[in-house]
N, C-alpha and C. Protein backbone atom coordinates (compact mmCIF):
# COMPACT_ATOMS: atom_id res chain seq x y z
N UNK A 1 -57.68 11.39 29.80
CA UNK A 1 -57.51 11.86 31.15
C UNK A 1 -56.05 11.71 31.54
N UNK A 2 -55.44 12.76 32.03
CA UNK A 2 -54.08 12.71 32.52
C UNK A 2 -54.10 13.06 33.99
N UNK A 3 -53.61 12.13 34.81
CA UNK A 3 -53.57 12.35 36.25
C UNK A 3 -52.14 12.31 36.70
N UNK A 4 -51.69 13.35 37.36
CA UNK A 4 -50.34 13.41 37.90
C UNK A 4 -50.46 13.66 39.38
N UNK A 5 -49.81 12.79 40.16
CA UNK A 5 -49.83 12.96 41.60
C UNK A 5 -48.40 13.11 42.09
N UNK A 6 -48.12 14.17 42.83
CA UNK A 6 -46.82 14.37 43.44
C UNK A 6 -46.92 13.87 44.87
N UNK A 7 -46.20 12.78 45.15
CA UNK A 7 -46.31 12.15 46.45
C UNK A 7 -44.99 12.29 47.19
N UNK A 8 -45.03 12.93 48.35
CA UNK A 8 -43.86 12.99 49.22
C UNK A 8 -43.79 11.72 50.03
N UNK A 9 -42.69 11.53 50.77
CA UNK A 9 -42.50 10.30 51.52
C UNK A 9 -43.19 10.32 52.88
N UNK A 10 -43.84 11.37 53.24
CA UNK A 10 -44.52 11.40 54.53
C UNK A 10 -45.85 10.68 54.44
N UNK A 11 -46.21 10.04 55.54
CA UNK A 11 -47.45 9.25 55.56
C UNK A 11 -48.67 10.13 55.36
N UNK A 12 -48.68 11.31 55.94
CA UNK A 12 -49.84 12.20 55.82
C UNK A 12 -50.07 12.58 54.36
N UNK A 13 -49.01 12.91 53.66
CA UNK A 13 -49.13 13.29 52.26
C UNK A 13 -49.59 12.10 51.43
N UNK A 14 -49.06 10.93 51.72
CA UNK A 14 -49.45 9.73 50.99
C UNK A 14 -50.91 9.39 51.24
N UNK A 15 -51.35 9.50 52.47
CA UNK A 15 -52.76 9.26 52.78
C UNK A 15 -53.66 10.28 52.08
N UNK A 16 -53.21 11.52 52.02
CA UNK A 16 -53.98 12.55 51.32
C UNK A 16 -54.03 12.25 49.83
N UNK A 17 -52.91 11.79 49.27
CA UNK A 17 -52.88 11.45 47.84
C UNK A 17 -53.82 10.29 47.55
N UNK A 18 -53.88 9.31 48.46
CA UNK A 18 -54.80 8.18 48.28
C UNK A 18 -56.24 8.67 48.31
N UNK A 19 -56.55 9.52 49.27
CA UNK A 19 -57.90 10.07 49.39
C UNK A 19 -58.28 10.83 48.12
N UNK A 20 -57.37 11.67 47.62
CA UNK A 20 -57.66 12.43 46.40
C UNK A 20 -57.79 11.51 45.20
N UNK A 21 -56.97 10.47 45.12
CA UNK A 21 -57.03 9.54 44.00
C UNK A 21 -58.35 8.77 44.01
N UNK A 22 -58.84 8.41 45.18
CA UNK A 22 -60.12 7.72 45.29
C UNK A 22 -61.25 8.62 44.80
N UNK A 23 -61.23 9.87 45.22
CA UNK A 23 -62.25 10.82 44.76
C UNK A 23 -62.17 11.02 43.25
N UNK A 24 -60.95 11.12 42.73
CA UNK A 24 -60.77 11.28 41.29
C UNK A 24 -61.27 10.05 40.53
N UNK A 25 -61.00 8.86 41.07
CA UNK A 25 -61.44 7.62 40.42
C UNK A 25 -62.97 7.54 40.40
N UNK A 26 -63.59 7.89 41.50
CA UNK A 26 -65.06 7.86 41.55
C UNK A 26 -65.66 8.83 40.54
N UNK A 27 -65.09 10.03 40.47
CA UNK A 27 -65.58 11.03 39.52
C UNK A 27 -65.37 10.56 38.08
N UNK A 28 -64.20 10.02 37.80
CA UNK A 28 -63.89 9.53 36.46
C UNK A 28 -64.84 8.42 36.04
N UNK A 29 -65.12 7.50 36.96
CA UNK A 29 -66.01 6.39 36.64
C UNK A 29 -67.45 6.85 36.44
N UNK A 30 -67.86 7.87 37.20
CA UNK A 30 -69.20 8.41 37.00
C UNK A 30 -69.33 9.09 35.63
N UNK A 31 -68.30 9.79 35.22
CA UNK A 31 -68.34 10.52 33.95
C UNK A 31 -68.17 9.60 32.74
N UNK A 32 -67.27 8.62 32.85
CA UNK A 32 -66.92 7.80 31.68
C UNK A 32 -67.51 6.40 31.72
N UNK A 33 -68.14 6.03 32.80
CA UNK A 33 -68.68 4.68 32.93
C UNK A 33 -67.71 3.76 33.65
N UNK A 34 -68.26 2.79 34.35
CA UNK A 34 -67.41 1.91 35.16
C UNK A 34 -66.62 0.91 34.33
N UNK A 35 -66.94 0.74 33.07
CA UNK A 35 -66.20 -0.18 32.20
C UNK A 35 -65.22 0.54 31.29
N UNK A 36 -65.01 1.83 31.49
CA UNK A 36 -64.13 2.59 30.61
C UNK A 36 -62.67 2.39 30.99
N UNK A 37 -61.80 2.64 30.03
CA UNK A 37 -60.36 2.54 30.27
C UNK A 37 -59.90 3.59 31.28
N UNK A 38 -60.49 4.78 31.21
CA UNK A 38 -60.12 5.84 32.15
C UNK A 38 -60.45 5.45 33.59
N UNK A 39 -61.57 4.78 33.77
CA UNK A 39 -61.96 4.33 35.10
C UNK A 39 -60.96 3.31 35.63
N UNK A 40 -60.57 2.37 34.77
CA UNK A 40 -59.60 1.35 35.18
C UNK A 40 -58.25 1.97 35.55
N UNK A 41 -57.82 2.94 34.77
CA UNK A 41 -56.55 3.62 35.05
C UNK A 41 -56.62 4.37 36.38
N UNK A 42 -57.72 5.03 36.62
CA UNK A 42 -57.88 5.79 37.87
C UNK A 42 -57.81 4.87 39.08
N UNK A 43 -58.45 3.70 39.00
CA UNK A 43 -58.39 2.76 40.13
C UNK A 43 -57.03 2.09 40.23
N UNK A 44 -56.31 1.95 39.12
CA UNK A 44 -54.94 1.44 39.17
C UNK A 44 -54.03 2.40 39.95
N UNK A 45 -54.26 3.69 39.76
CA UNK A 45 -53.49 4.69 40.50
C UNK A 45 -53.75 4.55 41.99
N UNK A 46 -55.00 4.37 42.37
CA UNK A 46 -55.34 4.18 43.79
C UNK A 46 -54.62 2.94 44.33
N UNK A 47 -54.67 1.87 43.57
CA UNK A 47 -54.04 0.62 44.01
C UNK A 47 -52.52 0.77 44.19
N UNK A 48 -51.88 1.48 43.27
CA UNK A 48 -50.44 1.70 43.38
C UNK A 48 -50.08 2.54 44.60
N UNK A 49 -50.88 3.56 44.87
CA UNK A 49 -50.62 4.39 46.05
C UNK A 49 -50.80 3.59 47.34
N UNK A 50 -51.83 2.75 47.39
CA UNK A 50 -52.05 1.93 48.57
C UNK A 50 -50.92 0.91 48.75
N UNK A 51 -50.41 0.37 47.65
CA UNK A 51 -49.29 -0.57 47.73
C UNK A 51 -48.05 0.14 48.25
N UNK A 52 -47.80 1.36 47.80
CA UNK A 52 -46.65 2.13 48.29
C UNK A 52 -46.76 2.39 49.78
N UNK A 53 -47.95 2.71 50.24
CA UNK A 53 -48.16 2.93 51.68
C UNK A 53 -47.85 1.66 52.46
N UNK A 54 -48.27 0.53 51.94
CA UNK A 54 -48.00 -0.76 52.59
C UNK A 54 -46.51 -1.06 52.62
N UNK A 55 -45.82 -0.80 51.52
CA UNK A 55 -44.38 -1.04 51.46
C UNK A 55 -43.63 -0.16 52.44
N UNK A 56 -44.03 1.08 52.55
CA UNK A 56 -43.38 1.99 53.49
C UNK A 56 -43.59 1.52 54.92
N UNK A 57 -44.78 1.04 55.21
CA UNK A 57 -45.09 0.55 56.55
C UNK A 57 -44.24 -0.67 56.89
N UNK A 58 -44.08 -1.59 55.95
CA UNK A 58 -43.27 -2.78 56.18
C UNK A 58 -41.80 -2.42 56.35
N UNK A 59 -41.30 -1.47 55.56
CA UNK A 59 -39.90 -1.06 55.67
C UNK A 59 -39.63 -0.42 57.03
N UNK A 60 -40.59 0.32 57.53
CA UNK A 60 -40.44 0.98 58.84
C UNK A 60 -40.36 -0.05 59.96
N UNK A 61 -41.08 -1.13 59.85
CA UNK A 61 -41.09 -2.14 60.90
C UNK A 61 -39.77 -2.89 61.01
N UNK A 62 -38.96 -2.92 59.95
CA UNK A 62 -37.73 -3.68 59.95
C UNK A 62 -36.51 -2.85 60.33
N UNK A 63 -36.69 -1.60 60.69
CA UNK A 63 -35.57 -0.75 61.05
C UNK A 63 -35.12 -1.04 62.48
N UNK A 64 -33.81 -1.02 62.66
CA UNK A 64 -33.25 -1.17 64.00
C UNK A 64 -33.31 0.17 64.72
N UNK A 65 -33.00 0.15 65.99
CA UNK A 65 -33.00 1.40 66.75
C UNK A 65 -31.92 2.34 66.22
N UNK A 66 -30.79 1.80 65.75
CA UNK A 66 -29.76 2.65 65.17
C UNK A 66 -30.25 3.28 63.87
N UNK A 67 -30.95 2.52 63.05
CA UNK A 67 -31.51 3.07 61.81
C UNK A 67 -32.46 4.22 62.10
N UNK A 68 -33.31 4.03 63.09
CA UNK A 68 -34.26 5.08 63.45
C UNK A 68 -33.55 6.32 63.98
N UNK A 69 -32.48 6.09 64.79
CA UNK A 69 -31.69 7.20 65.32
C UNK A 69 -31.04 7.97 64.17
N UNK A 70 -30.47 7.24 63.22
CA UNK A 70 -29.79 7.88 62.10
C UNK A 70 -30.76 8.63 61.19
N UNK A 71 -31.99 8.17 61.10
CA UNK A 71 -33.00 8.90 60.35
C UNK A 71 -33.25 10.28 60.96
N UNK A 72 -33.23 10.33 62.29
CA UNK A 72 -33.47 11.60 62.99
C UNK A 72 -32.22 12.46 63.07
N UNK A 73 -31.03 11.81 63.12
CA UNK A 73 -29.76 12.53 63.30
C UNK A 73 -28.73 12.05 62.28
N UNK A 74 -28.90 12.37 61.02
CA UNK A 74 -28.01 11.82 59.99
C UNK A 74 -26.56 12.29 60.08
N UNK A 75 -26.30 13.42 60.76
CA UNK A 75 -24.94 13.94 60.84
C UNK A 75 -24.19 13.49 62.08
N UNK A 76 -24.78 12.66 62.91
CA UNK A 76 -24.09 12.22 64.11
C UNK A 76 -22.97 11.24 63.75
N UNK A 77 -21.99 11.13 64.60
CA UNK A 77 -20.80 10.32 64.35
C UNK A 77 -21.17 8.85 64.11
N UNK A 78 -22.15 8.35 64.83
CA UNK A 78 -22.55 6.95 64.69
C UNK A 78 -23.13 6.63 63.32
N UNK A 79 -23.61 7.64 62.64
CA UNK A 79 -24.33 7.42 61.39
C UNK A 79 -23.51 7.74 60.13
N UNK A 80 -22.30 8.24 60.32
CA UNK A 80 -21.46 8.57 59.17
C UNK A 80 -20.98 7.32 58.48
N UNK A 81 -20.98 7.34 57.17
CA UNK A 81 -20.52 6.20 56.37
C UNK A 81 -19.36 6.68 55.51
N UNK A 82 -18.28 5.93 55.58
CA UNK A 82 -17.08 6.30 54.82
C UNK A 82 -16.83 5.30 53.71
N UNK A 83 -16.48 5.80 52.53
CA UNK A 83 -16.07 4.94 51.43
C UNK A 83 -14.56 4.83 51.47
N UNK A 84 -14.06 3.61 51.45
CA UNK A 84 -12.61 3.39 51.55
C UNK A 84 -12.07 2.98 50.21
């Protein structure tokens, strides 16, 4: 079984990828048995996607108001970074 998931950085896409991975894992386990290697791999994918969602949520909580502003307006003067 080869599973490839293209995950964008948006929460909606990540949540959709998690939902699809869960469905894929359930299907894989039904077809190959719950003790199969393919089943374990499928659930590992779900776990990794859920961990990524958690990490993104934690990173968002630590942003300052300037960081959030620069995310929305990267070309503004306040957000420019110069290498000297």
